Amino acid sequence: MKIMIVEDDKVLSLLLSKMIEKLGHEISDVVSKGAEAISQIQALNPDLILMDIMLEDNIDGIEAMAQLREKSIITPVIYITGNSDPVNIQRAKKTNYLDYMIKPVGFESLREKIKEIH
């Protein structure tokens, strides 16, 4: 499975990358900005997206997914965020996500979520 990581925290990006590789999956790309995520998801067509909500530019993860959904991109997404704000959860629901995981994300919980779709 090709998995894209959209995360602005470099340490967490590296940690998620290591977990994904340990699970035997391929990293299609790691990006930290919403606009970059939109273009790379369209170009690379990953099998799964691990998406942070707060990103480096003015497009957050939920908005990036909303824009992709408007373009009929249906790639599954798991939001991984430190933000459990009910407003963001409601916004995220409109993007038809697989799961909304609160940081820190453990190896076993990530493995189980990926296993559900693989």
PDB file of N, CA and C in Angstrom:
ATOM      1  N   MET A   1       0.847  -1.173   0.000  1.00  0.00           N
ATOM      2  CA  MET A   1       0.000   0.000   0.000  1.00  0.00           C
ATOM      3  C   MET A   1       0.895   1.239   0.000  1.00  0.00           C
ATOM      4  N   LYS A   2       0.550   2.214  -0.836  1.00  0.00           N
ATOM      5  CA  LYS A   2       1.277   3.487  -0.873  1.00  0.00           C
ATOM      6  C   LYS A   2       0.548   4.468   0.057  1.00  0.00           C
ATOM      7  N   ILE A   3       1.281   5.000   1.021  1.00  0.00           N
ATOM      8  CA  ILE A   3       0.685   5.899   2.010  1.00  0.00           C
ATOM      9  C   ILE A   3       1.379   7.251   1.963  1.00  0.00           C
ATOM     10  N   MET A   4       0.586   8.328   1.898  1.00  0.00           N
ATOM     11  CA  MET A   4       1.127   9.684   1.943  1.00  0.00           C
ATOM     12  C   MET A   4       0.938  10.241   3.349  1.00  0.00           C
ATOM     13  N   ILE A   5       1.968  10.906   3.831  1.00  0.00           N
ATOM     14  CA  ILE A   5       1.920  11.560   5.137  1.00  0.00           C
ATOM     15  C   ILE A   5       1.863  13.058   4.911  1.00  0.00           C
ATOM     16  N   VAL A   6       0.866  13.706   5.500  1.00  0.00           N
ATOM     17  CA  VAL A   6       0.751  15.161   5.451  1.00  0.00           C
ATOM     18  C   VAL A   6       0.826  15.624   6.895  1.00  0.00           C
ATOM     19  N   GLU A   7       1.990  16.144   7.286  1.00  0.00           N
ATOM     20  CA  GLU A   7       2.268  16.466   8.685  1.00  0.00           C
ATOM     21  C   GLU A   7       3.317  17.574   8.737  1.00  0.00           C
ATOM     22  N   ASP A   8       3.060  18.615   9.536  1.00  0.00           N
ATOM     23  CA  ASP A   8       4.015  19.718   9.622  1.00  0.00           C
ATOM     24  C   ASP A   8       5.088  19.507  10.685  1.00  0.00           C
ATOM     25  N   ASP A   9       4.936  18.555  11.560  1.00  0.00           N
ATOM     26  CA  ASP A   9       5.931  18.259  12.589  1.00  0.00           C
ATOM     27  C   ASP A   9       6.923  17.242  12.019  1.00  0.00           C
ATOM     28  N   LYS A  10       8.170  17.669  11.819  1.00  0.00           N
ATOM     29  CA  LYS A  10       9.183  16.825  11.176  1.00  0.00           C
ATOM     30  C   LYS A  10       9.463  15.553  11.972  1.00  0.00           C
ATOM     31  N   VAL A  11       9.483  15.651  13.297  1.00  0.00           N
ATOM     32  CA  VAL A  11       9.749  14.479  14.134  1.00  0.00           C
ATOM     33  C   VAL A  11       8.614  13.466  13.991  1.00  0.00           C
ATOM     34  N   LEU A  12       7.386  13.946  14.024  1.00  0.00           N
ATOM     35  CA  LEU A  12       6.243  13.047  13.875  1.00  0.00           C
ATOM     36  C   LEU A  12       6.202  12.449  12.470  1.00  0.00           C
ATOM     37  N   SER A  13       6.553  13.225  11.456  1.00  0.00           N
ATOM     38  CA  SER A  13       6.625  12.699  10.087  1.00  0.00           C
ATOM     39  C   SER A  13       7.592  11.530  10.012  1.00  0.00           C
ATOM     40  N   LEU A  14       8.740  11.696  10.630  1.00  0.00           N
ATOM     41  CA  LEU A  14       9.748  10.637  10.630  1.00  0.00           C
ATOM     42  C   LEU A  14       9.237   9.411  11.385  1.00  0.00           C
ATOM     43  N   LEU A  15       8.614   9.635  12.535  1.00  0.00           N
ATOM     44  CA  LEU A  15       8.071   8.534  13.328  1.00  0.00           C
ATOM     45  C   LEU A  15       6.993   7.770  12.548  1.00  0.00           C
ATOM     46  N   LEU A  16       6.070   8.491  11.929  1.00  0.00           N
ATOM     47  CA  LEU A  16       5.028   7.851  11.130  1.00  0.00           C
ATOM     48  C   LEU A  16       5.629   7.088   9.956  1.00  0.00           C
ATOM     49  N   SER A  17       6.639   7.667   9.318  1.00  0.00           N
ATOM     50  CA  SER A  17       7.314   6.994   8.203  1.00  0.00           C
ATOM     51  C   SER A  17       7.915   5.669   8.648  1.00  0.00           C
ATOM     52  N   LYS A  18       8.587   5.679   9.778  1.00  0.00           N
ATOM     53  CA  LYS A  18       9.199   4.450  10.310  1.00  0.00           C
ATOM     54  C   LYS A  18       8.135   3.405  10.618  1.00  0.00           C
ATOM     55  N   MET A  19       7.014   3.841  11.213  1.00  0.00           N
ATOM     56  CA  MET A  19       5.934   2.902  11.521  1.00  0.00           C
ATOM     57  C   MET A  19       5.375   2.276  10.250  1.00  0.00           C
ATOM     58  N   ILE A  20       5.147   3.095   9.242  1.00  0.00           N
ATOM     59  CA  ILE A  20       4.577   2.608   7.987  1.00  0.00           C
ATOM     60  C   ILE A  20       5.526   1.620   7.314  1.00  0.00           C
ATOM     61  N   GLU A  21       6.810   1.946   7.310  1.00  0.00           N
ATOM     62  CA  GLU A  21       7.793   1.039   6.711  1.00  0.00           C
ATOM     63  C   GLU A  21       7.862  -0.269   7.494  1.00  0.00           C
ATOM     64  N   LYS A  22       7.793  -0.191   8.811  1.00  0.00           N
ATOM     65  CA  LYS A  22       7.814  -1.399   9.644  1.00  0.00           C
ATOM     66  C   LYS A  22       6.602  -2.282   9.354  1.00  0.00           C
ATOM     67  N   LEU A  23       5.489  -1.657   8.982  1.00  0.00           N
ATOM     68  CA  LEU A  23       4.284  -2.400   8.641  1.00  0.00           C
ATOM     69  C   LEU A  23       4.341  -2.967   7.217  1.00  0.00           C
ATOM     70  N   GLY A  24       5.404  -2.637   6.487  1.00  0.00           N
ATOM     71  CA  GLY A  24       5.588  -3.194   5.154  1.00  0.00           C
ATOM     72  C   GLY A  24       4.955  -2.393   4.031  1.00  0.00           C
ATOM     73  N   HIS A  25       4.618  -1.135   4.316  1.00  0.00           N
ATOM     74  CA  HIS A  25       4.003  -0.293   3.298  1.00  0.00           C
ATOM     75  C   HIS A  25       5.014   0.715   2.765  1.00  0.00           C
ATOM     76  N   GLU A  26       4.670   1.320   1.642  1.00  0.00           N
ATOM     77  CA  GLU A  26       5.530   2.294   0.971  1.00  0.00           C
ATOM     78  C   GLU A  26       5.054   3.711   1.285  1.00  0.00           C
ATOM     79  N   ILE A  27       5.999   4.615   1.477  1.00  0.00           N
ATOM     80  CA  ILE A  27       5.680   6.035   1.656  1.00  0.00           C
ATOM     81  C   ILE A  27       5.678   6.660   0.265  1.00  0.00           C
ATOM     82  N   SER A  28       4.523   7.180  -0.162  1.00  0.00           N
ATOM     83  CA  SER A  28       4.486   7.806  -1.482  1.00  0.00           C
ATOM     84  C   SER A  28       5.079   9.209  -1.436  1.00  0.00           C
ATOM     85  N   ASP A  29       4.893   9.913  -0.304  1.00  0.00           N
ATOM     86  CA  ASP A  29       5.464  11.250  -0.134  1.00  0.00           C
ATOM     87  C   ASP A  29       5.177  11.715   1.290  1.00  0.00           C
ATOM     88  N   VAL A  30       5.949  12.696   1.732  1.00  0.00           N
ATOM     89  CA  VAL A  30       5.721  13.360   3.010  1.00  0.00           C
ATOM     90  C   VAL A  30       5.708  14.856   2.717  1.00  0.00           C
ATOM     91  N   VAL A  31       4.597  15.520   3.016  1.00  0.00           N
ATOM     92  CA  VAL A  31       4.476  16.953   2.775  1.00  0.00           C
ATOM     93  C   VAL A  31       3.966  17.636   4.037  1.00  0.00           C
ATOM     94  N   SER A  32       4.170  18.958   4.107  1.00  0.00           N
ATOM     95  CA  SER A  32       3.814  19.694   5.324  1.00  0.00           C
ATOM     96  C   SER A  32       2.847  20.852   5.093  1.00  0.00           C
ATOM     97  N   LYS A  33       2.427  21.041   3.842  1.00  0.00           N
ATOM     98  CA  LYS A  33       1.537  22.157   3.507  1.00  0.00           C
ATOM     99  C   LYS A  33       0.292  21.643   2.806  1.00  0.00           C
ATOM    100  N   GLY A  34      -0.838  22.311   3.042  1.00  0.00           N
ATOM    101  CA  GLY A  34      -2.090  21.903   2.447  1.00  0.00           C
ATOM    102  C   GLY A  34      -2.088  21.964   0.928  1.00  0.00           C
ATOM    103  N   ALA A  35      -1.580  23.064   0.379  1.00  0.00           N
ATOM    104  CA  ALA A  35      -1.558  23.214  -1.085  1.00  0.00           C
ATOM    105  C   ALA A  35      -0.681  22.142  -1.725  1.00  0.00           C
ATOM    106  N   GLU A  36       0.445  21.874  -1.092  1.00  0.00           N
ATOM    107  CA  GLU A  36       1.355  20.833  -1.586  1.00  0.00           C
ATOM    108  C   GLU A  36       0.681  19.457  -1.502  1.00  0.00           C
ATOM    109  N   ALA A  37      -0.057  19.229  -0.434  1.00  0.00           N
ATOM    110  CA  ALA A  37      -0.767  17.954  -0.280  1.00  0.00           C
ATOM    111  C   ALA A  37      -1.770  17.755  -1.415  1.00  0.00           C
ATOM    112  N   ILE A  38      -2.522  18.787  -1.726  1.00  0.00           N
ATOM    113  CA  ILE A  38      -3.522  18.688  -2.790  1.00  0.00           C
ATOM    114  C   ILE A  38      -2.866  18.292  -4.109  1.00  0.00           C
ATOM    115  N   SER A  39      -1.791  18.980  -4.478  1.00  0.00           N
ATOM    116  CA  SER A  39      -1.149  18.677  -5.766  1.00  0.00           C
ATOM    117  C   SER A  39      -0.483  17.298  -5.756  1.00  0.00           C
ATOM    118  N   GLN A  40       0.160  16.929  -4.664  1.00  0.00           N
ATOM    119  CA  GLN A  40       0.847  15.636  -4.614  1.00  0.00           C
ATOM    120  C   GLN A  40      -0.125  14.458  -4.553  1.00  0.00           C
ATOM    121  N   ILE A  41      -1.237  14.624  -3.869  1.00  0.00           N
ATOM    122  CA  ILE A  41      -2.240  13.559  -3.822  1.00  0.00           C
ATOM    123  C   ILE A  41      -2.809  13.328  -5.215  1.00  0.00           C
ATOM    124  N   GLN A  42      -3.068  14.406  -5.936  1.00  0.00           N
ATOM    125  CA  GLN A  42      -3.570  14.266  -7.312  1.00  0.00           C
ATOM    126  C   GLN A  42      -2.522  13.611  -8.211  1.00  0.00           C
ATOM    127  N   ALA A  43      -1.265  13.974  -8.036  1.00  0.00           N
ATOM    128  CA  ALA A  43      -0.204  13.462  -8.897  1.00  0.00           C
ATOM    129  C   ALA A  43       0.170  12.014  -8.579  1.00  0.00           C
ATOM    130  N   LEU A  44       0.215  11.671  -7.302  1.00  0.00           N
ATOM    131  CA  LEU A  44       0.735  10.367  -6.894  1.00  0.00           C
ATOM    132  C   LEU A  44      -0.336   9.309  -6.626  1.00  0.00           C
ATOM    133  N   ASN A  45      -1.569   9.746  -6.417  1.00  0.00           N
ATOM    134  CA  ASN A  45      -2.676   8.832  -6.171  1.00  0.00           C
ATOM    135  C   ASN A  45      -2.351   7.764  -5.112  1.00  0.00           C
ATOM    136  N   PRO A  46      -2.060   8.176  -3.877  1.00  0.00           N
ATOM    137  CA  PRO A  46      -1.747   7.183  -2.835  1.00  0.00           C
ATOM    138  C   PRO A  46      -2.972   6.345  -2.488  1.00  0.00           C
ATOM    139  N   ASP A  47      -2.730   5.228  -1.814  1.00  0.00           N
ATOM    140  CA  ASP A  47      -3.817   4.349  -1.382  1.00  0.00           C
ATOM    141  C   ASP A  47      -4.447   4.822  -0.076  1.00  0.00           C
ATOM    142  N   LEU A  48      -3.691   5.596   0.696  1.00  0.00           N
ATOM    143  CA  LEU A  48      -4.147   6.100   1.992  1.00  0.00           C
ATOM    144  C   LEU A  48      -3.406   7.388   2.305  1.00  0.00           C
ATOM    145  N   ILE A  49      -4.097   8.305   2.991  1.00  0.00           N
ATOM    146  CA  ILE A  49      -3.484   9.555   3.430  1.00  0.00           C
ATOM    147  C   ILE A  49      -3.576   9.626   4.948  1.00  0.00           C
ATOM    148  N   LEU A  50      -2.441   9.903   5.588  1.00  0.00           N
ATOM    149  CA  LEU A  50      -2.414  10.224   7.016  1.00  0.00           C
ATOM    150  C   LEU A  50      -2.289  11.735   7.080  1.00  0.00           C
ATOM    151  N   MET A  51      -3.339  12.417   7.514  1.00  0.00           N
ATOM    152  CA  MET A  51      -3.441  13.868   7.379  1.00  0.00           C
ATOM    153  C   MET A  51      -3.530  14.559   8.735  1.00  0.00           C
ATOM    154  N   ASP A  52      -2.564  15.434   8.993  1.00  0.00           N
ATOM    155  CA  ASP A  52      -2.657  16.327  10.149  1.00  0.00           C
ATOM    156  C   ASP A  52      -3.658  17.422   9.796  1.00  0.00           C
ATOM    157  N   ILE A  53      -4.244  18.035  10.792  1.00  0.00           N
ATOM    158  CA  ILE A  53      -5.187  19.121  10.515  1.00  0.00           C
ATOM    159  C   ILE A  53      -4.464  20.458  10.434  1.00  0.00           C
ATOM    160  N   MET A  54      -3.611  20.768  11.384  1.00  0.00           N
ATOM    161  CA  MET A  54      -2.878  22.034  11.376  1.00  0.00           C
ATOM    162  C   MET A  54      -1.619  21.859  10.531  1.00  0.00           C
ATOM    163  N   LEU A  55      -1.527  22.643   9.441  1.00  0.00           N
ATOM    164  CA  LEU A  55      -0.394  22.540   8.529  1.00  0.00           C
ATOM    165  C   LEU A  55       0.335  23.877   8.420  1.00  0.00           C
ATOM    166  N   GLU A  56       1.415  23.913   7.643  1.00  0.00           N
ATOM    167  CA  GLU A  56       2.279  25.095   7.579  1.00  0.00           C
ATOM    168  C   GLU A  56       1.706  26.267   6.790  1.00  0.00           C
ATOM    169  N   ASP A  57       0.751  26.035   5.925  1.00  0.00           N
ATOM    170  CA  ASP A  57       0.228  27.143   5.139  1.00  0.00           C
ATOM    171  C   ASP A  57      -1.203  27.469   5.550  1.00  0.00           C
ATOM    172  N   ASN A  58      -1.904  28.228   4.741  1.00  0.00           N
ATOM    173  CA  ASN A  58      -3.245  28.683   5.116  1.00  0.00           C
ATOM    174  C   ASN A  58      -4.345  27.689   4.749  1.00  0.00           C
ATOM    175  N   ILE A  59      -3.967  26.503   4.241  1.00  0.00           N
ATOM    176  CA  ILE A  59      -4.939  25.450   3.945  1.00  0.00           C
ATOM    177  C   ILE A  59      -4.715  24.335   4.960  1.00  0.00           C
ATOM    178  N   ASP A  60      -5.688  24.140   5.856  1.00  0.00           N
ATOM    179  CA  ASP A  60      -5.509  23.070   6.833  1.00  0.00           C
ATOM    180  C   ASP A  60      -5.865  21.722   6.203  1.00  0.00           C
ATOM    181  N   GLY A  61      -5.635  20.656   6.938  1.00  0.00           N
ATOM    182  CA  GLY A  61      -5.850  19.320   6.410  1.00  0.00           C
ATOM    183  C   GLY A  61      -7.288  19.049   6.004  1.00  0.00           C
ATOM    184  N   ILE A  62      -8.235  19.566   6.781  1.00  0.00           N
ATOM    185  CA  ILE A  62      -9.644  19.355   6.454  1.00  0.00           C
ATOM    186  C   ILE A  62     -10.008  20.088   5.172  1.00  0.00           C
ATOM    187  N   GLU A  63      -9.546  21.320   5.034  1.00  0.00           N
ATOM    188  CA  GLU A  63      -9.819  22.080   3.811  1.00  0.00           C
ATOM    189  C   GLU A  63      -9.170  21.407   2.599  1.00  0.00           C
ATOM    190  N   ALA A  64      -7.950  20.898   2.775  1.00  0.00           N
ATOM    191  CA  ALA A  64      -7.276  20.197   1.677  1.00  0.00           C
ATOM    192  C   ALA A  64      -8.109  18.996   1.226  1.00  0.00           C
ATOM    193  N   MET A  65      -8.615  18.226   2.180  1.00  0.00           N
ATOM    194  CA  MET A  65      -9.436  17.066   1.823  1.00  0.00           C
ATOM    195  C   MET A  65     -10.760  17.498   1.206  1.00  0.00           C
ATOM    196  N   ALA A  66     -11.350  18.585   1.692  1.00  0.00           N
ATOM    197  CA  ALA A  66     -12.600  19.086   1.113  1.00  0.00           C
ATOM    198  C   ALA A  66     -12.386  19.451  -0.358  1.00  0.00           C
ATOM    199  N   GLN A  67     -11.263  20.118  -0.650  1.00  0.00           N
ATOM    200  CA  GLN A  67     -10.969  20.486  -2.038  1.00  0.00           C
ATOM    201  C   GLN A  67     -10.753  19.247  -2.907  1.00  0.00           C
ATOM    202  N   LEU A  68     -10.093  18.231  -2.361  1.00  0.00           N
ATOM    203  CA  LEU A  68      -9.886  16.994  -3.112  1.00  0.00           C
ATOM    204  C   LEU A  68     -11.202  16.265  -3.356  1.00  0.00           C
ATOM    205  N   ARG A  69     -12.068  16.264  -2.362  1.00  0.00           N
ATOM    206  CA  ARG A  69     -13.375  15.604  -2.521  1.00  0.00           C
ATOM    207  C   ARG A  69     -14.201  16.314  -3.598  1.00  0.00           C
ATOM    208  N   GLU A  70     -14.087  17.646  -3.671  1.00  0.00           N
ATOM    209  CA  GLU A  70     -14.788  18.391  -4.725  1.00  0.00           C
ATOM    210  C   GLU A  70     -14.303  17.988  -6.117  1.00  0.00           C
ATOM    211  N   LYS A  71     -13.060  17.511  -6.199  1.00  0.00           N
ATOM    212  CA  LYS A  71     -12.481  17.071  -7.477  1.00  0.00           C
ATOM    213  C   LYS A  71     -12.678  15.567  -7.675  1.00  0.00           C
ATOM    214  N   SER A  72     -13.540  14.981  -6.863  1.00  0.00           N
ATOM    215  CA  SER A  72     -13.861  13.548  -6.925  1.00  0.00           C
ATOM    216  C   SER A  72     -12.690  12.642  -6.575  1.00  0.00           C
ATOM    217  N   ILE A  73     -11.742  13.149  -5.800  1.00  0.00           N
ATOM    218  CA  ILE A  73     -10.650  12.315  -5.289  1.00  0.00           C
ATOM    219  C   ILE A  73     -11.189  11.620  -4.043  1.00  0.00           C
ATOM    220  N   ILE A  74     -11.244  10.300  -4.068  1.00  0.00           N
ATOM    221  CA  ILE A  74     -11.862   9.566  -2.963  1.00  0.00           C
ATOM    222  C   ILE A  74     -10.846   8.771  -2.136  1.00  0.00           C
ATOM    223  N   THR A  75      -9.589   9.130  -2.204  1.00  0.00           N
ATOM    224  CA  THR A  75      -8.554   8.450  -1.443  1.00  0.00           C
ATOM    225  C   THR A  75      -8.928   8.437   0.039  1.00  0.00           C
ATOM    226  N   PRO A  76      -8.848   7.280   0.691  1.00  0.00           N
ATOM    227  CA  PRO A  76      -9.157   7.216   2.120  1.00  0.00           C
ATOM    228  C   PRO A  76      -8.200   8.083   2.930  1.00  0.00           C
ATOM    229  N   VAL A  77      -8.723   8.700   3.988  1.00  0.00           N
ATOM    230  CA  VAL A  77      -7.916   9.566   4.844  1.00  0.00           C
ATOM    231  C   VAL A  77      -8.145   9.219   6.309  1.00  0.00           C
ATOM    232  N   ILE A  78      -7.041   9.210   7.048  1.00  0.00           N
ATOM    233  CA  ILE A  78      -7.084   9.126   8.500  1.00  0.00           C
ATOM    234  C   ILE A  78      -6.489  10.429   9.007  1.00  0.00           C
ATOM    235  N   TYR A  79      -7.293  11.191   9.733  1.00  0.00           N
ATOM    236  CA  TYR A  79      -6.775  12.416  10.345  1.00  0.00           C
ATOM    237  C   TYR A  79      -6.004  12.031  11.595  1.00  0.00           C
ATOM    238  N   ILE A  80      -4.803  12.583  11.711  1.00  0.00           N
ATOM    239  CA  ILE A  80      -3.978  12.389  12.902  1.00  0.00           C
ATOM    240  C   ILE A  80      -3.673  13.783  13.417  1.00  0.00           C
ATOM    241  N   THR A  81      -4.220  14.108  14.579  1.00  0.00           N
ATOM    242  CA  THR A  81      -4.148  15.480  15.047  1.00  0.00           C
ATOM    243  C   THR A  81      -4.077  15.561  16.563  1.00  0.00           C
ATOM    244  N   GLY A  82      -3.593  16.660  17.044  1.00  0.00           N
ATOM    245  CA  GLY A  82      -3.607  16.937  18.471  1.00  0.00           C
ATOM    246  C   GLY A  82      -4.860  17.693  18.871  1.00  0.00           C
ATOM    247  N   ASN A  83      -5.758  17.895  17.914  1.00  0.00           N
ATOM    248  CA  ASN A  83      -6.923  18.743  18.106  1.00  0.00           C
ATOM    249  C   ASN A  83      -8.205  17.911  18.146  1.00  0.00           C
ATOM    250  N   SER A  84      -8.822  17.825  19.309  1.00  0.00           N
ATOM    251  CA  SER A  84     -10.083  17.085  19.425  1.00  0.00           C
ATOM    252  C   SER A  84     -11.281  18.037  19.492  1.00  0.00           C
ATOM    253  N   ASP A  85     -11.106  19.237  18.980  1.00  0.00           N
ATOM    254  CA  ASP A  85     -12.156  20.248  18.964  1.00  0.00           C
ATOM    255  C   ASP A  85     -13.379  19.731  18.197  1.00  0.00           C
ATOM    256  N   PRO A  86     -14.573  19.760  18.826  1.00  0.00           N
ATOM    257  CA  PRO A  86     -15.784  19.267  18.161  1.00  0.00           C
ATOM    258  C   PRO A  86     -16.082  19.967  16.824  1.00  0.00           C
ATOM    259  N   VAL A  87     -15.707  21.226  16.692  1.00  0.00           N
ATOM    260  CA  VAL A  87     -15.931  21.949  15.440  1.00  0.00           C
ATOM    261  C   VAL A  87     -15.120  21.300  14.315  1.00  0.00           C
ATOM    262  N   ASN A  88     -13.856  20.979  14.600  1.00  0.00           N
ATOM    263  CA  ASN A  88     -13.027  20.331  13.580  1.00  0.00           C
ATOM    264  C   ASN A  88     -13.519  18.933  13.271  1.00  0.00           C
ATOM    265  N   ILE A  89     -13.992  18.233  14.273  1.00  0.00           N
ATOM    266  CA  ILE A  89     -14.527  16.892  14.031  1.00  0.00           C
ATOM    267  C   ILE A  89     -15.738  16.980  13.097  1.00  0.00           C
ATOM    268  N   GLN A  90     -16.594  17.956  13.308  1.00  0.00           N
ATOM    269  CA  GLN A  90     -17.755  18.145  12.429  1.00  0.00           C
ATOM    270  C   GLN A  90     -17.326  18.537  11.017  1.00  0.00           C
ATOM    271  N   ARG A  91     -16.329  19.411  10.909  1.00  0.00           N
ATOM    272  CA  ARG A  91     -15.813  19.783   9.585  1.00  0.00           C
ATOM    273  C   ARG A  91     -15.239  18.564   8.875  1.00  0.00           C
ATOM    274  N   ALA A  92     -14.503  17.752   9.627  1.00  0.00           N
ATOM    275  CA  ALA A  92     -13.860  16.570   9.047  1.00  0.00           C
ATOM    276  C   ALA A  92     -14.892  15.565   8.549  1.00  0.00           C
ATOM    277  N   LYS A  93     -16.006  15.440   9.251  1.00  0.00           N
ATOM    278  CA  LYS A  93     -17.040  14.476   8.844  1.00  0.00           C
ATOM    279  C   LYS A  93     -17.530  14.740   7.426  1.00  0.00           C
ATOM    280  N   LYS A  94     -17.509  15.983   7.009  1.00  0.00           N
ATOM    281  CA  LYS A  94     -17.957  16.333   5.663  1.00  0.00           C
ATOM    282  C   LYS A  94     -17.010  15.811   4.581  1.00  0.00           C
ATOM    283  N   THR A  95     -15.815  15.376   4.976  1.00  0.00           N
ATOM    284  CA  THR A  95     -14.833  14.870   4.010  1.00  0.00           C
ATOM    285  C   THR A  95     -14.820  13.350   3.948  1.00  0.00           C
ATOM    286  N   ASN A  96     -15.749  12.721   4.653  1.00  0.00           N
ATOM    287  CA  ASN A  96     -15.883  11.262   4.605  1.00  0.00           C
ATOM    288  C   ASN A  96     -14.562  10.567   4.952  1.00  0.00           C
ATOM    289  N   TYR A  97     -14.073  10.793   6.151  1.00  0.00           N
ATOM    290  CA  TYR A  97     -12.805  10.214   6.588  1.00  0.00           C
ATOM    291  C   TYR A  97     -12.981   8.810   7.161  1.00  0.00           C
ATOM    292  N   LEU A  98     -11.885   8.056   7.224  1.00  0.00           N
ATOM    293  CA  LEU A  98     -11.906   6.714   7.812  1.00  0.00           C
ATOM    294  C   LEU A  98     -11.839   6.773   9.330  1.00  0.00           C
ATOM    295  N   ASP A  99     -10.959   7.648   9.840  1.00  0.00           N
ATOM    296  CA  ASP A  99     -10.806   7.754  11.285  1.00  0.00           C
ATOM    297  C   ASP A  99     -10.193   9.099  11.637  1.00  0.00           C
ATOM    298  N   TYR A 100     -10.322   9.437  12.905  1.00  0.00           N
ATOM    299  CA  TYR A 100      -9.829  10.699  13.460  1.00  0.00           C
ATOM    300  C   TYR A 100      -9.059  10.306  14.711  1.00  0.00           C
ATOM    301  N   MET A 101      -7.735  10.224  14.602  1.00  0.00           N
ATOM    302  CA  MET A 101      -6.895   9.768  15.701  1.00  0.00           C
ATOM    303  C   MET A 101      -6.224  10.963  16.384  1.00  0.00           C
ATOM    304  N   ILE A 102      -6.211  10.926  17.706  1.00  0.00           N
ATOM    305  CA  ILE A 102      -5.596  11.996  18.485  1.00  0.00           C
ATOM    306  C   ILE A 102      -4.141  11.616  18.802  1.00  0.00           C
ATOM    307  N   LYS A 103      -3.233  12.580  18.592  1.00  0.00           N
ATOM    308  CA  LYS A 103      -1.812  12.376  18.894  1.00  0.00           C
ATOM    309  C   LYS A 103      -1.621  12.253  20.403  1.00  0.00           C
ATOM    310  N   PRO A 104      -0.665  11.504  20.843  1.00  0.00           N
ATOM    311  CA  PRO A 104       0.274  10.683  20.066  1.00  0.00           C
ATOM    312  C   PRO A 104      -0.399   9.401  19.586  1.00  0.00           C
ATOM    313  N   VAL A 105      -0.005   8.980  18.409  1.00  0.00           N
ATOM    314  CA  VAL A 105      -0.551   7.765  17.808  1.00  0.00           C
ATOM    315  C   VAL A 105       0.445   6.637  18.040  1.00  0.00           C
ATOM    316  N   GLY A 106      -0.030   5.556  18.614  1.00  0.00           N
ATOM    317  CA  GLY A 106       0.822   4.405  18.871  1.00  0.00           C
ATOM    318  C   GLY A 106       0.891   3.472  17.675  1.00  0.00           C
ATOM    319  N   PHE A 107       1.934   2.672  17.653  1.00  0.00           N
ATOM    320  CA  PHE A 107       2.160   1.727  16.553  1.00  0.00           C
ATOM    321  C   PHE A 107       0.987   0.773  16.387  1.00  0.00           C
ATOM    322  N   GLU A 108       0.533   0.171  17.477  1.00  0.00           N
ATOM    323  CA  GLU A 108      -0.541  -0.824  17.400  1.00  0.00           C
ATOM    324  C   GLU A 108      -1.849  -0.224  16.899  1.00  0.00           C
ATOM    325  N   SER A 109      -2.177   0.976  17.378  1.00  0.00           N
ATOM    326  CA  SER A 109      -3.433   1.587  16.929  1.00  0.00           C
ATOM    327  C   SER A 109      -3.360   1.948  15.450  1.00  0.00           C
ATOM    328  N   LEU A 110      -2.202   2.438  14.993  1.00  0.00           N
ATOM    329  CA  LEU A 110      -2.039   2.748  13.571  1.00  0.00           C
ATOM    330  C   LEU A 110      -2.107   1.472  12.743  1.00  0.00           C
ATOM    331  N   ARG A 111      -1.454   0.428  13.209  1.00  0.00           N
ATOM    332  CA  ARG A 111      -1.478  -0.854  12.502  1.00  0.00           C
ATOM    333  C   ARG A 111      -2.915  -1.361  12.333  1.00  0.00           C
ATOM    334  N   GLU A 112      -3.703  -1.268  13.387  1.00  0.00           N
ATOM    335  CA  GLU A 112      -5.084  -1.745  13.330  1.00  0.00           C
ATOM    336  C   GLU A 112      -5.916  -0.921  12.337  1.00  0.00           C
ATOM    337  N   LYS A 113      -5.719   0.404  12.327  1.00  0.00           N
ATOM    338  CA  LYS A 113      -6.473   1.258  11.406  1.00  0.00           C
ATOM    339  C   LYS A 113      -6.118   0.954   9.956  1.00  0.00           C
ATOM    340  N   ILE A 114      -4.821   0.766   9.693  1.00  0.00           N
ATOM    341  CA  ILE A 114      -4.392   0.463   8.327  1.00  0.00           C
ATOM    342  C   ILE A 114      -4.881  -0.926   7.922  1.00  0.00           C
ATOM    343  N   LYS A 115      -4.836  -1.854   8.846  1.00  0.00           N
ATOM    344  CA  LYS A 115      -5.302  -3.215   8.567  1.00  0.00           C
ATOM    345  C   LYS A 115      -6.773  -3.239   8.174  1.00  0.00           C
ATOM    346  N   GLU A 116      -7.572  -2.335   8.741  1.00  0.00           N
ATOM    347  CA  GLU A 116      -9.003  -2.271   8.434  1.00  0.00           C
ATOM    348  C   GLU A 116      -9.268  -1.977   6.959  1.00  0.00           C
ATOM    349  N   ILE A 117      -8.371  -1.241   6.318  1.00  0.00           N
ATOM    350  CA  ILE A 117      -8.597  -0.888   4.915  1.00  0.00           C
ATOM    351  C   ILE A 117      -7.751  -1.690   3.942  1.00  0.00           C
ATOM    352  N   HIS A 118      -6.775  -2.400   4.442  1.00  0.00           N
ATOM    353  CA  HIS A 118      -5.855  -3.144   3.561  1.00  0.00           C
ATOM    354  C   HIS A 118      -6.311  -4.567   3.380  1.00  0.00           C
TER     355      HIS A 118
END
